[in-house]
Amino acid sequence: MARCDQDWVINVDNSSSYAASSISVNFLSKKPQNFEFTLPAGGRAQYPFAKVGRDVTRIIIYMDPPKGGTMTLEVAQNNSMVETCTGGYGCRLVMNVE
């Protein structure tokens, strides 16, 4: 569960992958938005987001590490971890927004 009235950040660790990975962040609302990021092999990154607002009802995050690779994605809000996902062939996180 994510809160609409707080900033949040995505922390990504691709350090154990031998190739680039991608992340897609989708905000579902009356006007859907999509953001895509590419993370280089062996890289780590943080992607900060401002408050999503009351019109966003759900956030969907897709991870696509290389075949046989592993990446870890953590969603943190107000210094608390919301979701963590580790996968080798892709993963999807779905969060309702309150």
N, C-alpha and C. Protein backbone atom coordinates (compact mmCIF):
# COMPACT_ATOMS: atom_id res chain seq x y z
N MET A 1 0.84 -1.17 0.00
CA MET A 1 0.00 0.00 0.00
C MET A 1 0.89 1.24 0.00
N ALA A 2 0.60 2.15 -0.87
CA ALA A 2 1.34 3.41 -0.94
C ALA A 2 0.41 4.55 -0.55
N ARG A 3 1.00 5.61 -0.04
CA ARG A 3 0.20 6.78 0.36
C ARG A 3 0.31 7.86 -0.71
N CYS A 4 -0.80 8.53 -0.99
CA CYS A 4 -0.82 9.56 -2.02
C CYS A 4 -0.24 10.88 -1.53
N ASP A 5 -0.10 11.04 -0.21
CA ASP A 5 0.32 12.33 0.34
C ASP A 5 1.78 12.34 0.80
N GLN A 6 2.58 11.34 0.39
CA GLN A 6 3.99 11.28 0.79
C GLN A 6 4.88 11.02 -0.42
N ASP A 7 6.07 11.63 -0.41
CA ASP A 7 7.08 11.34 -1.42
C ASP A 7 7.55 9.90 -1.25
N TRP A 8 8.13 9.33 -2.29
CA TRP A 8 8.64 7.97 -2.20
C TRP A 8 9.82 7.80 -3.14
N VAL A 9 10.54 6.70 -3.01
CA VAL A 9 11.74 6.45 -3.81
C VAL A 9 11.82 4.98 -4.18
N ILE A 10 12.34 4.72 -5.37
CA ILE A 10 12.62 3.35 -5.80
C ILE A 10 14.14 3.17 -5.73
N ASN A 11 14.58 2.16 -5.00
CA ASN A 11 16.00 1.78 -4.93
C ASN A 11 16.17 0.50 -5.73
N VAL A 12 17.12 0.51 -6.67
CA VAL A 12 17.33 -0.64 -7.54
C VAL A 12 18.78 -1.09 -7.45
N ASP A 13 18.96 -2.40 -7.30
CA ASP A 13 20.30 -3.00 -7.25
C ASP A 13 20.42 -4.00 -8.39
N ASN A 14 21.23 -3.67 -9.38
CA ASN A 14 21.47 -4.54 -10.53
C ASN A 14 22.91 -5.04 -10.51
N SER A 15 23.55 -5.02 -9.33
CA SER A 15 24.98 -5.31 -9.22
C SER A 15 25.34 -6.75 -9.55
N SER A 16 24.40 -7.68 -9.45
CA SER A 16 24.73 -9.07 -9.75
C SER A 16 24.36 -9.47 -11.18
N SER A 17 23.88 -8.52 -11.99
CA SER A 17 23.53 -8.82 -13.38
C SER A 17 24.67 -8.45 -14.31
N TYR A 18 24.83 -9.23 -15.36
CA TYR A 18 25.90 -9.04 -16.33
C TYR A 18 25.49 -8.15 -17.50
N ALA A 19 24.22 -7.75 -17.54
CA ALA A 19 23.72 -6.91 -18.62
C ALA A 19 22.73 -5.89 -18.06
N ALA A 20 22.32 -4.96 -18.91
CA ALA A 20 21.38 -3.91 -18.49
C ALA A 20 20.02 -4.49 -18.14
N SER A 21 19.32 -3.81 -17.24
CA SER A 21 17.97 -4.17 -16.84
C SER A 21 17.07 -2.96 -17.05
N SER A 22 15.77 -3.19 -17.14
CA SER A 22 14.86 -2.07 -17.30
C SER A 22 13.76 -2.12 -16.25
N ILE A 23 13.22 -0.94 -15.96
CA ILE A 23 12.13 -0.78 -15.00
C ILE A 23 11.08 0.12 -15.65
N SER A 24 9.84 -0.24 -15.51
CA SER A 24 8.74 0.57 -16.00
C SER A 24 7.82 0.86 -14.82
N VAL A 25 7.49 2.13 -14.61
CA VAL A 25 6.63 2.55 -13.50
C VAL A 25 5.37 3.15 -14.12
N ASN A 26 4.22 2.57 -13.78
CA ASN A 26 2.94 3.02 -14.33
C ASN A 26 2.04 3.54 -13.22
N PHE A 27 1.51 4.74 -13.42
CA PHE A 27 0.54 5.34 -12.50
C PHE A 27 -0.83 5.23 -13.14
N LEU A 28 -1.76 4.54 -12.49
CA LEU A 28 -3.11 4.40 -13.02
C LEU A 28 -4.00 5.47 -12.41
N SER A 29 -4.59 6.27 -13.28
CA SER A 29 -5.49 7.35 -12.87
C SER A 29 -6.31 7.76 -14.09
N LYS A 30 -7.02 8.88 -14.00
CA LYS A 30 -7.77 9.37 -15.15
C LYS A 30 -6.84 9.68 -16.31
N LYS A 31 -5.62 10.12 -15.99
CA LYS A 31 -4.59 10.38 -17.01
C LYS A 31 -3.38 9.51 -16.67
N PRO A 32 -3.35 8.26 -17.13
CA PRO A 32 -2.24 7.36 -16.80
C PRO A 32 -0.89 7.92 -17.24
N GLN A 33 0.14 7.62 -16.46
CA GLN A 33 1.51 8.04 -16.78
C GLN A 33 2.41 6.82 -16.73
N ASN A 34 3.46 6.83 -17.56
CA ASN A 34 4.41 5.74 -17.60
C ASN A 34 5.83 6.32 -17.64
N PHE A 35 6.70 5.78 -16.79
CA PHE A 35 8.11 6.18 -16.76
C PHE A 35 8.95 4.93 -16.96
N GLU A 36 10.00 5.03 -17.79
CA GLU A 36 10.88 3.89 -18.02
C GLU A 36 12.31 4.27 -17.71
N PHE A 37 13.04 3.33 -17.07
CA PHE A 37 14.43 3.55 -16.70
C PHE A 37 15.25 2.34 -17.14
N THR A 38 16.49 2.58 -17.56
CA THR A 38 17.42 1.50 -17.88
C THR A 38 18.58 1.58 -16.90
N LEU A 39 18.90 0.45 -16.32
CA LEU A 39 19.98 0.38 -15.34
C LEU A 39 21.12 -0.44 -15.94
N PRO A 40 22.35 0.10 -15.97
CA PRO A 40 23.46 -0.63 -16.58
C PRO A 40 23.85 -1.87 -15.76
N ALA A 41 24.55 -2.77 -16.41
CA ALA A 41 25.04 -3.97 -15.73
C ALA A 41 25.87 -3.56 -14.52
N GLY A 42 25.64 -4.22 -13.40
CA GLY A 42 26.39 -3.94 -12.19
C GLY A 42 26.04 -2.64 -11.51
N GLY A 43 24.99 -1.96 -11.95
CA GLY A 43 24.65 -0.64 -11.42
C GLY A 43 23.64 -0.66 -10.29
N ARG A 44 23.64 0.43 -9.56
CA ARG A 44 22.64 0.69 -8.52
C ARG A 44 22.13 2.10 -8.74
N ALA A 45 20.86 2.33 -8.41
CA ALA A 45 20.28 3.66 -8.63
C ALA A 45 19.13 3.91 -7.68
N GLN A 46 18.82 5.20 -7.52
CA GLN A 46 17.64 5.64 -6.78
C GLN A 46 16.83 6.54 -7.70
N TYR A 47 15.53 6.32 -7.72
CA TYR A 47 14.62 7.13 -8.52
C TYR A 47 13.58 7.74 -7.59
N PRO A 48 13.73 9.02 -7.23
CA PRO A 48 12.76 9.65 -6.32
C PRO A 48 11.51 10.11 -7.07
N PHE A 49 10.37 10.02 -6.39
CA PHE A 49 9.10 10.48 -6.93
C PHE A 49 8.43 11.37 -5.91
N ALA A 50 7.76 12.41 -6.39
CA ALA A 50 6.99 13.29 -5.52
C ALA A 50 5.65 12.61 -5.21
N LYS A 51 4.88 13.22 -4.34
CA LYS A 51 3.55 12.72 -4.01
C LYS A 51 2.78 12.44 -5.30
N VAL A 52 2.06 11.34 -5.35
CA VAL A 52 1.35 10.99 -6.57
C VAL A 52 0.00 11.69 -6.69
N GLY A 53 -0.56 12.14 -5.61
CA GLY A 53 -1.85 12.82 -5.66
C GLY A 53 -3.02 11.86 -5.50
N ARG A 54 -4.17 12.41 -5.21
CA ARG A 54 -5.35 11.61 -4.90
C ARG A 54 -5.96 10.91 -6.11
N ASP A 55 -5.69 11.40 -7.32
CA ASP A 55 -6.31 10.78 -8.49
C ASP A 55 -5.63 9.46 -8.90
N VAL A 56 -4.43 9.17 -8.40
CA VAL A 56 -3.75 7.91 -8.70
C VAL A 56 -4.31 6.82 -7.78
N THR A 57 -4.80 5.74 -8.38
CA THR A 57 -5.41 4.66 -7.60
C THR A 57 -4.49 3.46 -7.43
N ARG A 58 -3.53 3.30 -8.35
CA ARG A 58 -2.65 2.13 -8.30
C ARG A 58 -1.33 2.46 -8.99
N ILE A 59 -0.25 1.88 -8.47
CA ILE A 59 1.07 1.99 -9.07
C ILE A 59 1.53 0.58 -9.42
N ILE A 60 1.95 0.40 -10.67
CA ILE A 60 2.45 -0.91 -11.12
C ILE A 60 3.88 -0.72 -11.59
N ILE A 61 4.80 -1.53 -11.05
CA ILE A 61 6.21 -1.45 -11.40
C ILE A 61 6.62 -2.78 -12.02
N TYR A 62 7.14 -2.72 -13.25
CA TYR A 62 7.63 -3.91 -13.93
C TYR A 62 9.15 -3.90 -13.92
N MET A 63 9.75 -5.04 -13.60
CA MET A 63 11.21 -5.19 -13.63
C MET A 63 11.54 -6.20 -14.73
N ASP A 64 12.59 -5.93 -15.49
CA ASP A 64 13.00 -6.85 -16.55
C ASP A 64 14.51 -7.02 -16.53
N PRO A 65 15.03 -7.89 -15.64
CA PRO A 65 16.46 -8.17 -15.63
C PRO A 65 16.83 -9.08 -16.81
N PRO A 66 18.10 -9.16 -17.16
CA PRO A 66 18.50 -10.06 -18.25
C PRO A 66 18.26 -11.51 -17.88
N LYS A 67 18.14 -12.37 -18.89
CA LYS A 67 17.92 -13.79 -18.64
C LYS A 67 19.01 -14.33 -17.73
N GLY A 68 18.59 -14.97 -16.64
CA GLY A 68 19.52 -15.52 -15.67
C GLY A 68 20.07 -14.50 -14.70
N GLY A 69 19.71 -13.22 -14.87
CA GLY A 69 20.19 -12.17 -13.97
C GLY A 69 19.26 -11.96 -12.80
N THR A 70 19.73 -11.24 -11.83
CA THR A 70 18.93 -10.93 -10.65
C THR A 70 19.07 -9.46 -10.34
N MET A 71 17.98 -8.83 -10.04
CA MET A 71 18.01 -7.45 -9.56
C MET A 71 17.01 -7.33 -8.42
N THR A 72 17.30 -6.42 -7.52
CA THR A 72 16.43 -6.19 -6.37
C THR A 72 15.86 -4.79 -6.47
N LEU A 73 14.56 -4.68 -6.27
CA LEU A 73 13.88 -3.39 -6.32
C LEU A 73 13.18 -3.18 -4.99
N GLU A 74 13.41 -2.03 -4.40
CA GLU A 74 12.80 -1.69 -3.11
C GLU A 74 12.05 -0.39 -3.28
N VAL A 75 10.84 -0.35 -2.80
CA VAL A 75 10.05 0.88 -2.80
C VAL A 75 9.97 1.36 -1.35
N ALA A 76 10.44 2.56 -1.11
CA ALA A 76 10.44 3.11 0.25
C ALA A 76 9.65 4.41 0.28
N GLN A 77 8.89 4.56 1.36
CA GLN A 77 8.10 5.76 1.54
C GLN A 77 8.13 6.14 3.01
N ASN A 78 8.50 7.39 3.28
CA ASN A 78 8.59 7.87 4.66
C ASN A 78 9.50 6.97 5.50
N ASN A 79 10.64 6.60 4.91
CA ASN A 79 11.66 5.75 5.54
C ASN A 79 11.18 4.35 5.88
N SER A 80 10.09 3.90 5.30
CA SER A 80 9.64 2.53 5.55
C SER A 80 9.55 1.78 4.23
N MET A 81 10.02 0.53 4.22
CA MET A 81 9.97 -0.27 3.01
C MET A 81 8.55 -0.71 2.74
N VAL A 82 8.11 -0.53 1.50
CA VAL A 82 6.75 -0.92 1.13
C VAL A 82 6.77 -2.29 0.45
N GLU A 83 7.58 -2.46 -0.56
CA GLU A 83 7.66 -3.72 -1.30
C GLU A 83 9.10 -4.00 -1.72
N THR A 84 9.50 -5.25 -1.74
CA THR A 84 10.80 -5.65 -2.27
C THR A 84 10.58 -6.83 -3.19
N CYS A 85 11.24 -6.83 -4.33
CA CYS A 85 11.07 -7.90 -5.30
C CYS A 85 12.42 -8.28 -5.89
N THR A 86 12.74 -9.56 -5.90
CA THR A 86 13.95 -10.06 -6.52
C THR A 86 13.53 -11.10 -7.55
N GLY A 87 14.04 -10.97 -8.75
CA GLY A 87 13.64 -11.93 -9.79
C GLY A 87 14.73 -12.16 -10.79
N GLY A 88 14.65 -13.25 -11.50
CA GLY A 88 15.61 -13.57 -12.53
C GLY A 88 15.03 -13.47 -13.92
N TYR A 89 13.70 -13.50 -14.04
CA TYR A 89 13.05 -13.45 -15.35
C TYR A 89 11.95 -12.39 -15.39
N GLY A 90 12.03 -11.42 -14.54
CA GLY A 90 11.03 -10.37 -14.53
C GLY A 90 10.12 -10.49 -13.32
N CYS A 91 9.56 -9.38 -12.96
CA CYS A 91 8.72 -9.33 -11.77
C CYS A 91 7.79 -8.13 -11.89
N ARG A 92 6.68 -8.18 -11.20
CA ARG A 92 5.74 -7.07 -11.21
C ARG A 92 5.29 -6.79 -9.79
N LEU A 93 5.33 -5.53 -9.41
CA LEU A 93 4.82 -5.08 -8.11
C LEU A 93 3.58 -4.24 -8.36
N VAL A 94 2.52 -4.54 -7.64
CA VAL A 94 1.28 -3.78 -7.77
C VAL A 94 0.95 -3.22 -6.39
N MET A 95 0.79 -1.91 -6.33
CA MET A 95 0.48 -1.25 -5.06
C MET A 95 -0.77 -0.39 -5.20
N ASN A 96 -1.73 -0.60 -4.33
CA ASN A 96 -2.86 0.31 -4.26
C ASN A 96 -2.40 1.59 -3.58
N VAL A 97 -3.06 2.68 -3.92
CA VAL A 97 -2.70 3.99 -3.35
C VAL A 97 -3.87 4.50 -2.53
N GLU A 98 -3.55 4.91 -1.30
CA GLU A 98 -4.56 5.50 -0.41
C GLU A 98 -4.31 6.97 -0.23
